[in-house]
Every structure is written in structure tokens, then in C-alpha cells.
């Protein structure tokens, strides 16, 4: 019984020792998979990206020039209309009567003129022989001049009556797209005040945009070098619709700076035959300045901390394993539909982490290359497809990562020991002072 108890106690001691060793044994796990990309150098233009507004090149408020009742509407809401097309008809009867009245007045005036002219001719010979006194004859001549004036006034009144009659047909002054009905059949409109509808010319539009006033000189110099024109790209403001764009030129710079905002306004003309853009639409305007070499990486690689933007740079170690470190960078402008970002602080060929698990990186800054779908890549960035190959690669990568962790743990322990020794020496020396 005593022998059995001794063996049992020995077994407990051995088990405790083995458990203690297992607890102290460092953990073993593979590096973190990461999607890696290489920073590339390109010659790209510096550009200005700003916001603009689309406006109609010709916007017309259709207001009748004569008063009366609307008897016809000859357009549909939202229709495209042509210049000269009749949009609405005002009751013409009062204006037709006014034309007839003016015609009658004109005939009367002309008849009176003819009578008075004949009277002058009959008395001209008599006046020469002094059978008619000079004052009477001069009065007859003057009356003819009065009649001529009356005829001209009646002719003008007839022209005015005909114009008013023409204005009963409300026509489109320009080609464009009409808006909504502001009136209906039967409504009485007043000349110069009642609005029937609006027409916006949409086949050709203005695009107005602002730039910082300090950039105006550079822009004007570039325009001057290009013959007074500046090439721009106008696109939808929404990121997922930025592919809807059109190129055009700008040749108009407004004559003042907006003091409140410190901006200058430029205007371009935009061909819009396919109705891609609409008046009052907010758009993005981009135009290029000087081109230069720059380092570009996918914008998704960038992250932010209290110091600014940073990326994880992966340095090849061995066997397809990379050591990752954080590098602060200065980010610049975006390119290729906001997918690539210009950065300063990297050089061409640097390997940057595009996607990786932040949580897993806490266990050690070691990664291996993988595709977004999770396919393992070897040191040459070639996919490993066979299960045996993947198993072998992971075993080797795990061993490398374990070795790196052990090395890091040793350096950290040495650093702590040095710090503790320095603190103890200082404490021991203090009493001697």
C-alpha cells in the first residue's frame, strides 16, 4: 500500500511537471495571410478636382404678350419643342376685331388725304393768279401734311393690331424641353405677368465651377499655352456613377473673385445631345495641370492613426514569409476613378499590405501572400494549388514565424533585463551620494 501511494505521488509530480512544461512552451501558429501589392511609379498629371453646377444655355419663361383667355394648349408637359412651335392659343376674336378697326381707320385717313391733296391741286393755279389768298392756300397744304401724319398713325395702329393678333399664338422662341403647365384651358392670362410654362435648352449646357483663387494664375497660364482653352472632364458627383462623364473645354473666366469664398468661377460649354446631364445638376469637374512621376498604391491600403496616414510595408524574409512594419506616409491625389492614391514616403517596388486581419497581426507582424479568395502564394507570388504543397508551405511558414517570435521575445527579455539592471545600479549608487 505504501509502495502504491509512493508511485501515485510520483505520477502526480511527473504530470505536474509535464503540464508546467506545456504551459511554458511558446504557442505555434502560422503567419497571417495578406493580400499584397507592389507600389508602382507612374507619370501622372497633377489635377484640380472641384464641384460645378450645370445650367441651361438658354432658359426661357414663356409669358404671353397679350391678355385674354387660353383656348388651346398644344404641348405636353416635359415635351421637346422646336423654335416657332405654337404652345398655346389665346382667344383671337378681340384682336381680329381690333385689326379690322385699324384697317377701317386707315382707309378713312387715306381717303381724307386724297380729298385734301385734290383740293390743293385745284387751288394751286388759282393761288398763282391771286384768286385765292395765300393764307387759305397754305392752310390747304398744311392740312395735307396733317392727313399724311394721320395715315402714318393709322398704319402704325394697324401694325400694332396685327402684332397683337400674332401674339395670340404663343410660340417657342428656342428649341428645348418644356416644363409643367402653369395654366389650363379657360384660364385668363395677363400680358407680361402670367407664366404659361418654361423652356430649358438641354442639348447644349453651361458648366460653371470654382477653383481656389490662388490657382487662377496657374490655370490661366495653362489656358494661354493651349490657345485659350482648358480641357476638363465633367462627371456625376456620386462615386458609383463617376464613369458617367464627358470631356469638354473651358474658355470663360468670370471677371471677379468671390471674396467671401476666395474662389474664381470658370464656365464651359457642354454638348448634351444625349441628355446625360440636366440643368441645376451638381457635377464633379477635373482638369489636369503638369505631369510628373509619382508612386501609386491602391487607396484601400491606406489607414489612419493620430499621426496621419500609414500603410503596412511587407519586407521579404524567407520562404514566402514577410515581416510587416507600419510606415507613415503622406497621401496625395486619387487616380483611376478613385482606386489609386499618390503617396509620398514609399518607393517603387515596395510591397504593401492591401488586406489583412488586424486582429491576427497582433500575434506577430508576419504575413504570407494570398489572393483575395484565400489561395496561398509562394515566394514568387505563384498560387499553390495542391493540398500537399499548401501543407508543406504552411508547416515551413509556421516554423519560420515561431523562430521570429522566439527571437523577438528574446530581444524583449534582454531589453527588460538591461533596463532592470540599469535601475538597480542606479538605486545602489544613490545611497553612496
Protein backbone atom coordinates (compact mmCIF):
# COMPACT_ATOMS: atom_id res chain seq x y z
CA UNK A 1 0.00 0.00 0.00
CA UNK A 2 2.82 2.38 0.86
CA UNK A 3 4.58 1.47 -2.39
CA UNK A 4 1.38 2.15 -4.34
CA UNK A 5 0.98 5.55 -2.68
CA UNK A 6 4.57 6.43 -3.48
CA UNK A 7 4.05 5.54 -7.16
CA UNK A 8 0.83 7.60 -7.24
CA UNK A 9 2.56 10.65 -5.77
CA UNK A 10 5.41 10.25 -8.26
CA UNK A 11 2.90 10.17 -11.12
CA UNK A 12 1.26 13.39 -9.89
CA UNK A 13 4.66 15.11 -9.71
CA UNK A 14 5.57 13.97 -13.23
CA UNK A 15 2.15 15.07 -14.60
CA UNK A 16 2.50 18.45 -12.89
CA UNK A 17 5.96 18.87 -14.36
CA UNK A 18 4.76 17.92 -17.81
CA UNK A 19 1.81 20.34 -17.52
CA UNK A 20 4.15 23.07 -16.39
CA UNK A 21 6.39 22.47 -19.41
CA UNK A 22 3.40 22.58 -21.77
CA UNK A 23 2.21 25.84 -20.26
CA UNK A 24 5.64 27.43 -20.71
CA UNK A 25 6.03 26.16 -24.28
CA UNK A 26 5.56 29.04 -26.79
CA UNK A 27 2.46 28.95 -28.94
CA UNK A 28 2.91 27.78 -32.53
CA UNK A 29 0.74 29.13 -35.32
CA UNK A 30 1.26 30.30 -38.91
CA UNK A 31 1.70 33.87 -40.12
CA UNK A 32 -1.29 35.97 -41.08
CA UNK A 33 -2.48 35.67 -44.69
CA UNK A 34 -2.39 39.02 -46.51
CA UNK A 35 -3.17 40.36 -49.97
CA UNK A 36 -0.01 42.11 -51.09
CA UNK A 37 0.57 44.67 -53.84
CA UNK A 38 3.61 46.47 -55.15
CA UNK A 39 3.85 50.23 -55.19
CA UNK A 40 4.32 51.41 -58.77
CA UNK A 41 5.83 54.51 -60.24
CA UNK A 42 3.93 56.31 -63.00
CA UNK A 43 3.95 59.63 -64.74
CA UNK A 44 0.64 61.17 -63.71
CA UNK A 45 -0.73 64.69 -64.01
CA UNK A 46 -1.40 66.91 -61.07
CA UNK A 47 -5.03 67.90 -61.26
CA UNK A 48 -7.68 70.04 -59.66
CA UNK A 49 -10.91 68.34 -58.72
CA UNK A 50 -13.77 70.64 -57.85
CA UNK A 51 -17.54 70.87 -57.83
CA UNK A 52 -19.62 72.53 -60.51
CA UNK A 53 -23.20 73.22 -61.48
CA UNK A 54 -24.95 72.58 -64.77
CA UNK A 55 -27.11 75.38 -66.13
CA UNK A 56 -29.15 75.75 -69.27
CA UNK A 57 -27.52 77.76 -72.03
CA UNK A 58 -30.91 79.28 -72.71
CA UNK A 59 -33.70 79.28 -70.11
CA UNK A 60 -36.96 80.96 -71.12
CA UNK A 61 -40.05 81.75 -69.09
CA UNK A 62 -43.00 81.67 -71.51
CA UNK A 63 -45.12 84.73 -70.71
CA UNK A 64 -47.93 85.93 -73.03
CA UNK A 65 -47.58 89.36 -74.61
CA UNK A 66 -51.35 89.94 -74.82
CA UNK A 67 -54.16 89.38 -72.34
CA UNK A 68 -57.05 87.03 -72.92
CA UNK A 69 -58.50 83.60 -72.37
CA UNK A 70 -56.49 80.45 -73.18
CA UNK A 71 -58.47 78.42 -75.74
CA UNK A 72 -55.82 75.84 -76.76
CA UNK A 73 -52.72 74.20 -75.30
CA UNK A 74 -50.61 72.49 -77.93
CA UNK A 75 -47.76 70.92 -75.93
CA UNK A 76 -47.39 68.11 -73.45
CA UNK A 77 -45.64 68.57 -70.14
CA UNK A 78 -41.99 67.57 -70.49
CA UNK A 79 -42.11 67.56 -74.32
CA UNK A 80 -39.27 68.66 -76.53
CA UNK A 81 -40.33 71.59 -78.70
CA UNK A 82 -38.86 73.38 -81.70
CA UNK A 83 -38.35 77.08 -82.21
CA UNK A 84 -41.53 78.60 -83.67
CA UNK A 85 -43.82 75.80 -82.46
CA UNK A 86 -47.18 77.06 -81.15
CA UNK A 87 -47.51 76.22 -77.46
CA UNK A 88 -50.82 77.88 -76.60
CA UNK A 89 -53.53 79.96 -78.27
CA UNK A 90 -55.26 83.00 -76.72
CA UNK A 91 -58.78 83.92 -77.87
CA UNK A 92 -58.18 85.87 -81.08
CA UNK A 93 -61.61 87.43 -81.62
CA UNK A 94 -60.97 90.73 -79.80
CA UNK A 95 -57.68 91.16 -81.64
CA UNK A 96 -59.15 90.26 -85.04
CA UNK A 97 -61.78 92.97 -84.42
CA UNK A 98 -59.01 95.41 -83.49
CA UNK A 99 -57.27 94.67 -86.80
CA UNK A 100 -60.45 95.35 -88.77
CA UNK A 101 -60.99 98.58 -86.89
CA UNK A 102 -57.42 99.68 -87.60
CA UNK A 103 -57.84 98.81 -91.27
CA UNK A 104 -61.04 100.93 -91.42
CA UNK A 105 -59.35 103.88 -89.74
CA UNK A 106 -56.51 103.62 -92.23
CA UNK A 107 -58.87 103.67 -95.21
CA UNK A 108 -60.62 106.74 -93.83
CA UNK A 109 -57.31 108.53 -93.31
CA UNK A 110 -56.11 107.71 -96.81
CA UNK A 111 -59.42 108.88 -98.32
CA UNK A 112 -59.22 112.16 -96.44
CA UNK A 113 -55.64 112.61 -97.59
CA UNK A 114 -56.65 112.08 -101.21
CA UNK A 115 -59.50 114.63 -100.94
CA UNK A 116 -57.25 117.25 -99.41
CA UNK A 117 -54.50 116.61 -101.98
CA UNK A 118 -57.02 117.19 -104.80
CA UNK A 119 -58.17 120.39 -103.07
CA UNK A 120 -54.61 121.65 -103.04
CA UNK A 121 -54.11 120.88 -106.72
CA UNK A 122 -57.34 122.68 -107.69
CA UNK A 123 -56.35 125.79 -105.80
CA UNK A 124 -52.69 125.87 -106.83
CA UNK A 125 -53.36 127.70 -110.18
CA UNK A 126 -55.90 130.00 -108.57
CA UNK A 127 -53.39 130.93 -105.91
CA UNK A 128 -50.83 131.89 -108.60
CA UNK A 129 -53.37 134.25 -110.22
CA UNK A 130 -54.29 135.63 -106.79
CA UNK A 131 -57.87 134.35 -106.98
CA UNK A 132 -57.20 132.51 -103.69
CA UNK A 133 -55.33 134.32 -100.97
CA UNK A 134 -52.00 132.87 -99.84
CA UNK A 135 -53.12 132.13 -96.27
CA UNK A 136 -56.04 129.99 -97.42
CA UNK A 137 -53.82 128.06 -99.81
CA UNK A 138 -51.16 127.49 -97.14
CA UNK A 139 -53.85 126.11 -94.84
CA UNK A 140 -54.87 123.59 -97.52
CA UNK A 141 -51.25 122.49 -97.95
CA UNK A 142 -50.80 122.15 -94.19
CA UNK A 143 -53.95 120.05 -93.94
CA UNK A 144 -52.47 117.60 -96.45
CA UNK A 145 -49.44 117.20 -94.16
CA UNK A 146 -51.74 116.58 -91.21
CA UNK A 147 -53.55 113.93 -93.26
CA UNK A 148 -50.23 112.22 -94.07
CA UNK A 149 -49.43 112.09 -90.36
CA UNK A 150 -52.87 110.63 -89.69
CA UNK A 151 -52.29 107.95 -92.33
CA UNK A 152 -48.93 107.02 -90.77
CA UNK A 153 -50.54 106.82 -87.32
CA UNK A 154 -53.30 104.57 -88.68
CA UNK A 155 -50.71 102.37 -90.42
CA UNK A 156 -48.82 102.04 -87.13
CA UNK A 157 -52.03 101.19 -85.27
CA UNK A 158 -52.79 98.52 -87.89
CA UNK A 159 -49.29 97.05 -87.50
CA UNK A 160 -49.72 97.00 -83.71
CA UNK A 161 -53.11 95.30 -84.03
CA UNK A 162 -51.61 92.67 -86.36
CA UNK A 163 -48.73 92.07 -83.93
CA UNK A 164 -51.17 91.60 -81.06
CA UNK A 165 -53.12 89.16 -83.21
CA UNK A 166 -49.91 87.21 -83.95
CA UNK A 167 -49.11 87.16 -80.24
CA UNK A 168 -52.33 85.25 -79.63
CA UNK A 169 -50.32 82.25 -80.87
CA UNK A 170 -47.77 81.77 -78.06
CA UNK A 171 -44.74 80.21 -79.79
CA UNK A 172 -41.50 78.68 -78.52
CA UNK A 173 -38.64 81.16 -79.01
CA UNK A 174 -35.97 78.42 -78.80
CA UNK A 175 -35.57 74.67 -79.12
CA UNK A 176 -35.71 72.93 -75.77
CA UNK A 177 -37.63 70.94 -73.22
CA UNK A 178 -40.79 72.40 -71.71
CA UNK A 179 -41.76 72.13 -68.07
CA UNK A 180 -45.14 71.79 -66.40
CA UNK A 181 -48.41 73.56 -67.17
CA UNK A 182 -48.74 76.76 -65.17
CA UNK A 183 -52.17 77.41 -66.72
CA UNK A 184 -55.03 75.36 -68.17
CA UNK A 185 -57.52 75.89 -70.96
CA UNK A 186 -60.05 78.51 -69.89
CA UNK A 187 -57.67 80.50 -67.72
CA UNK A 188 -57.43 84.22 -68.41
CA UNK A 189 -53.84 85.40 -68.68
CA UNK A 190 -52.47 88.91 -68.31
CA UNK A 191 -49.89 90.33 -70.67
CA UNK A 192 -46.38 90.30 -69.23
CA UNK A 193 -47.29 88.66 -65.91
CA UNK A 194 -48.86 85.21 -66.33
CA UNK A 195 -46.39 82.38 -66.92
CA UNK A 196 -47.60 79.57 -69.17
CA UNK A 197 -44.55 77.27 -68.83
CA UNK A 198 -40.75 77.30 -69.09
CA UNK A 199 -38.32 76.04 -71.72
CA UNK A 200 -34.84 74.82 -70.89
CA UNK A 201 -32.36 74.28 -73.67
CA UNK A 202 -30.76 70.92 -72.80
CA UNK A 203 -28.86 69.96 -75.96
CA UNK A 204 -26.12 72.39 -75.02
CA UNK A 205 -25.42 73.37 -71.42
CA UNK A 206 -23.14 75.57 -69.36
CA UNK A 207 -20.98 74.05 -66.64
CA UNK A 208 -19.86 76.56 -64.01
CA UNK A 209 -17.25 75.58 -61.43
CA UNK A 210 -14.98 77.21 -58.90
CA UNK A 211 -11.27 76.94 -58.23
CA UNK A 212 -9.18 78.42 -55.40
CA UNK A 213 -8.21 81.98 -56.27
CA UNK A 214 -4.53 81.17 -55.70
CA UNK A 215 -4.72 78.60 -58.50
CA UNK A 216 -6.23 81.01 -61.02
CA UNK A 217 -2.90 82.29 -62.32
CA UNK A 218 -1.64 78.74 -62.98
CA UNK A 219 -4.87 77.84 -64.73
CA UNK A 220 -4.81 80.96 -66.89
CA UNK A 221 -1.21 80.30 -67.90
CA UNK A 222 -2.16 76.77 -68.92
CA UNK A 223 -5.14 78.11 -70.88
CA UNK A 224 -2.90 80.64 -72.60
CA UNK A 225 -0.44 77.92 -73.60
CA UNK A 226 -3.31 75.84 -75.01
CA UNK A 227 -4.74 78.63 -77.15
CA UNK A 228 -7.20 80.00 -74.62
CA UNK A 229 -8.92 76.69 -73.86
CA UNK A 230 -8.70 74.28 -70.95
CA UNK A 231 -9.67 70.62 -71.28
CA UNK A 232 -11.91 69.38 -68.47
CA UNK A 233 -13.81 66.22 -67.58
CA UNK A 234 -17.33 66.61 -66.20
CA UNK A 235 -18.82 63.63 -64.35
CA UNK A 236 -21.57 62.71 -61.92
CA UNK A 237 -20.78 63.66 -58.35
CA UNK A 238 -21.75 60.23 -56.95
CA UNK A 239 -18.73 57.90 -56.66
CA UNK A 240 -20.59 54.87 -58.01
CA UNK A 241 -21.65 56.88 -61.09
CA UNK A 242 -18.38 58.68 -61.81
CA UNK A 243 -18.00 56.69 -65.04
CA UNK A 244 -20.82 58.82 -66.48
CA UNK A 245 -18.64 61.63 -67.74
CA UNK A 246 -17.95 63.86 -70.71
CA UNK A 247 -14.93 65.83 -71.87
CA UNK A 248 -15.22 69.44 -72.95
CA UNK A 249 -13.28 72.71 -72.85
CA UNK A 250 -13.42 75.87 -70.78
CA UNK A 251 -12.72 79.27 -72.26
CA UNK A 252 -14.55 81.70 -69.97
CA UNK A 253 -13.19 83.12 -66.71
CA UNK A 254 -15.56 85.40 -64.82
CA UNK A 255 -14.35 88.91 -64.14
CA UNK A 256 -14.20 88.85 -60.35
CA UNK A 257 -13.04 86.73 -57.42
CA UNK A 258 -15.69 85.73 -54.92
CA UNK A 259 -14.32 87.46 -51.85
CA UNK A 260 -16.42 85.51 -49.34
CA UNK A 261 -15.12 82.11 -50.51
CA UNK A 262 -11.81 83.06 -52.11
CA UNK A 263 -12.71 81.31 -55.35
CA UNK A 264 -12.76 82.12 -59.05
CA UNK A 265 -15.55 80.98 -61.37
CA UNK A 266 -14.93 79.37 -64.77
CA UNK A 267 -17.52 78.43 -67.38
CA UNK A 268 -17.51 75.86 -70.15
CA UNK A 269 -19.99 74.75 -72.80
CA UNK A 270 -21.07 71.11 -72.66
CA UNK A 271 -22.52 69.14 -75.56
CA UNK A 272 -25.52 67.24 -74.20
CA UNK A 273 -27.34 65.83 -77.22
CA UNK A 274 -27.99 62.56 -75.36
CA UNK A 275 -29.37 64.35 -72.26
CA UNK A 276 -26.75 62.86 -69.93
CA UNK A 277 -26.77 65.98 -67.75
CA UNK A 278 -29.61 68.26 -66.63
CA UNK A 279 -29.85 71.93 -65.61
CA UNK A 280 -29.18 72.60 -61.89
CA UNK A 281 -27.35 69.26 -61.52
CA UNK A 282 -24.27 69.22 -59.27
CA UNK A 283 -21.25 67.67 -61.00
CA UNK A 284 -17.58 66.98 -60.45
CA UNK A 285 -15.10 68.81 -62.68
CA UNK A 286 -11.50 67.64 -63.10
CA UNK A 287 -8.75 69.23 -65.17
CA UNK A 288 -5.09 68.36 -65.44
CA UNK A 289 -2.08 70.58 -64.80
CA UNK A 290 1.57 69.47 -65.05
CA UNK A 291 2.54 65.78 -65.20
CA UNK A 292 5.29 64.25 -63.04
CA UNK A 293 6.49 60.88 -61.76
CA UNK A 294 4.82 59.60 -58.60
CA UNK A 295 4.37 56.43 -56.55
CA UNK A 296 0.84 54.98 -56.58
CA UNK A 297 -0.80 52.31 -54.41
CA UNK A 298 -4.42 51.17 -54.07
CA UNK A 299 -6.30 53.64 -51.90
CA UNK A 300 -7.66 50.77 -49.79
CA UNK A 301 -4.13 50.17 -48.42
CA UNK A 302 -4.16 53.45 -46.52
CA UNK A 303 -5.18 53.62 -42.89
CA UNK A 304 -5.21 56.47 -40.39
CA UNK A 305 -3.88 56.99 -36.90
CA UNK A 306 -3.23 60.05 -34.73
CA UNK A 307 -0.14 60.90 -36.81
CA UNK A 308 -1.97 60.74 -40.11
CA UNK A 309 -2.00 58.19 -42.93
CA UNK A 310 0.03 55.00 -42.77
CA UNK A 311 0.46 51.67 -44.57
CA UNK A 312 1.86 48.28 -43.69
CA UNK A 313 5.02 47.57 -45.69
CA UNK A 314 5.98 43.89 -46.06
CA UNK A 315 9.68 43.01 -46.32
CA UNK A 316 10.52 39.52 -47.66
CA UNK A 317 12.21 37.35 -45.01
CA UNK A 318 12.41 33.83 -46.39
CA UNK A 319 10.26 31.01 -47.61
CA UNK A 320 7.40 33.32 -48.65
CA UNK A 321 7.14 34.88 -45.18
CA UNK A 322 7.23 38.68 -44.86
CA UNK A 323 7.94 40.91 -41.88
CA UNK A 324 5.44 43.76 -41.68
CA UNK A 325 6.07 47.23 -40.30
CA UNK A 326 3.98 50.35 -40.11
CA UNK A 327 5.16 53.27 -42.26
CA UNK A 328 3.70 56.77 -42.05
CA UNK A 329 3.06 58.29 -45.49
CA UNK A 330 1.75 61.50 -46.96
CA UNK A 331 -1.23 60.87 -49.20
CA UNK A 332 -1.89 62.82 -52.37
CA UNK A 333 -4.46 62.83 -55.13
CA UNK A 334 -6.60 59.96 -56.37
CA UNK A 335 -6.43 58.43 -59.85
CA UNK A 336 -8.27 55.85 -61.98
CA UNK A 337 -11.77 56.50 -60.65
CA UNK A 338 -10.50 56.96 -57.08
CA UNK A 339 -8.90 53.49 -56.96
CA UNK A 340 -5.22 54.51 -56.84
CA UNK A 341 -3.69 57.04 -54.47
CA UNK A 342 -0.49 59.04 -54.86
CA UNK A 343 1.68 58.66 -51.75
CA UNK A 344 4.95 60.12 -50.52
CA UNK A 345 7.14 58.06 -48.22
CA UNK A 346 7.30 54.91 -50.35
CA UNK A 347 9.38 53.96 -53.35
CA UNK A 348 8.53 51.98 -56.43
CA UNK A 349 8.56 48.23 -55.77
CA UNK A 350 7.75 48.44 -52.06
CA UNK A 351 5.38 45.64 -51.07
CA UNK A 352 2.30 46.98 -49.32
CA UNK A 353 -0.39 45.07 -47.45
CA UNK A 354 -3.73 45.59 -49.16
CA UNK A 355 -5.88 43.29 -47.00
CA UNK A 356 -5.02 41.52 -43.74
CA UNK A 357 -6.64 40.69 -40.42
CA UNK A 358 -5.72 43.38 -37.90
CA UNK A 359 -6.59 41.02 -35.08
CA UNK A 360 -4.23 38.31 -36.30
CA UNK A 361 -1.42 40.80 -36.87
CA UNK A 362 -1.43 41.44 -33.11
CA UNK A 363 0.08 37.98 -32.67
CA UNK A 364 3.13 38.95 -34.66
CA UNK A 365 3.93 41.13 -37.67
CA UNK A 366 4.48 38.20 -40.02
CA UNK A 367 2.40 37.50 -43.12
CA UNK A 368 2.40 35.34 -46.19
CA UNK A 369 0.94 36.22 -49.57
CA UNK A 370 -2.56 35.12 -50.52
CA UNK A 371 -5.19 36.03 -53.09
CA UNK A 372 -8.45 37.76 -52.05
CA UNK A 373 -10.08 34.31 -52.40
CA UNK A 374 -7.61 32.80 -49.90
CA UNK A 375 -5.31 30.92 -52.30
CA UNK A 376 -1.80 30.67 -50.82
CA UNK A 377 1.05 32.27 -52.81
CA UNK A 378 4.67 31.15 -52.68
CA UNK A 379 7.71 33.40 -52.50
CA UNK A 380 7.42 34.06 -56.27
CA UNK A 381 3.74 35.09 -55.90
CA UNK A 382 2.63 31.95 -57.67
CA UNK A 383 -0.51 30.17 -56.36
CA UNK A 384 -0.07 26.85 -54.53
CA UNK A 385 -3.00 24.68 -55.52
CA UNK A 386 -2.15 21.16 -54.34
CA UNK A 387 -3.10 20.16 -50.77
CA UNK A 388 0.38 18.69 -50.24
CA UNK A 389 2.01 21.93 -51.37
CA UNK A 390 -0.18 24.01 -49.10
CA UNK A 391 0.52 21.70 -46.15
CA UNK A 392 4.27 21.86 -46.73
CA UNK A 393 4.25 25.65 -47.17
CA UNK A 394 2.21 26.21 -44.01
CA UNK A 395 4.48 23.95 -41.97
CA UNK A 396 7.58 25.81 -43.12
CA UNK A 397 5.94 29.22 -42.69
CA UNK A 398 4.81 28.29 -39.17
CA UNK A 399 8.34 27.23 -38.24
CA UNK A 400 9.74 30.50 -39.59
CA UNK A 401 7.13 32.52 -37.71
CA UNK A 402 7.81 30.60 -34.49
CA UNK A 403 11.52 31.32 -34.84
CA UNK A 404 10.85 35.02 -35.42
CA UNK A 405 8.56 35.17 -32.41
CA UNK A 406 11.20 33.49 -30.23
CA UNK A 407 13.80 35.95 -31.47
CA UNK A 408 11.52 38.87 -30.73
CA UNK A 409 10.70 37.51 -27.28
CA UNK A 410 14.43 37.13 -26.54
CA UNK A 411 15.20 40.70 -27.62
CA UNK A 412 12.34 41.97 -25.50
CA UNK A 413 13.56 39.98 -22.47
CA UNK A 414 17.13 41.24 -22.96
CA UNK A 415 15.84 44.80 -23.18
CA UNK A 416 13.88 44.36 -19.96
CA UNK A 417 16.88 42.82 -18.21
CA UNK A 418 19.08 45.70 -19.29
CA UNK A 419 16.53 48.20 -18.06
CA UNK A 420 16.17 46.40 -14.74
CA UNK A 421 19.96 46.22 -14.30
CA UNK A 422 20.32 49.90 -15.03
CA UNK A 423 17.61 50.70 -12.50
CA UNK A 424 19.21 48.51 -9.81
CA UNK A 425 22.66 50.05 -10.33
CA UNK A 426 21.18 53.49 -10.04
CA UNK A 427 19.37 52.54 -6.85
CA UNK A 428 22.53 51.01 -5.37
CA UNK A 429 24.56 54.07 -6.22
CA UNK A 430 22.12 56.52 -4.67
CA UNK A 431 22.99 55.77 -1.01
CA UNK A 432 26.68 56.45 -1.70
CA UNK A 433 25.95 60.04 -2.62
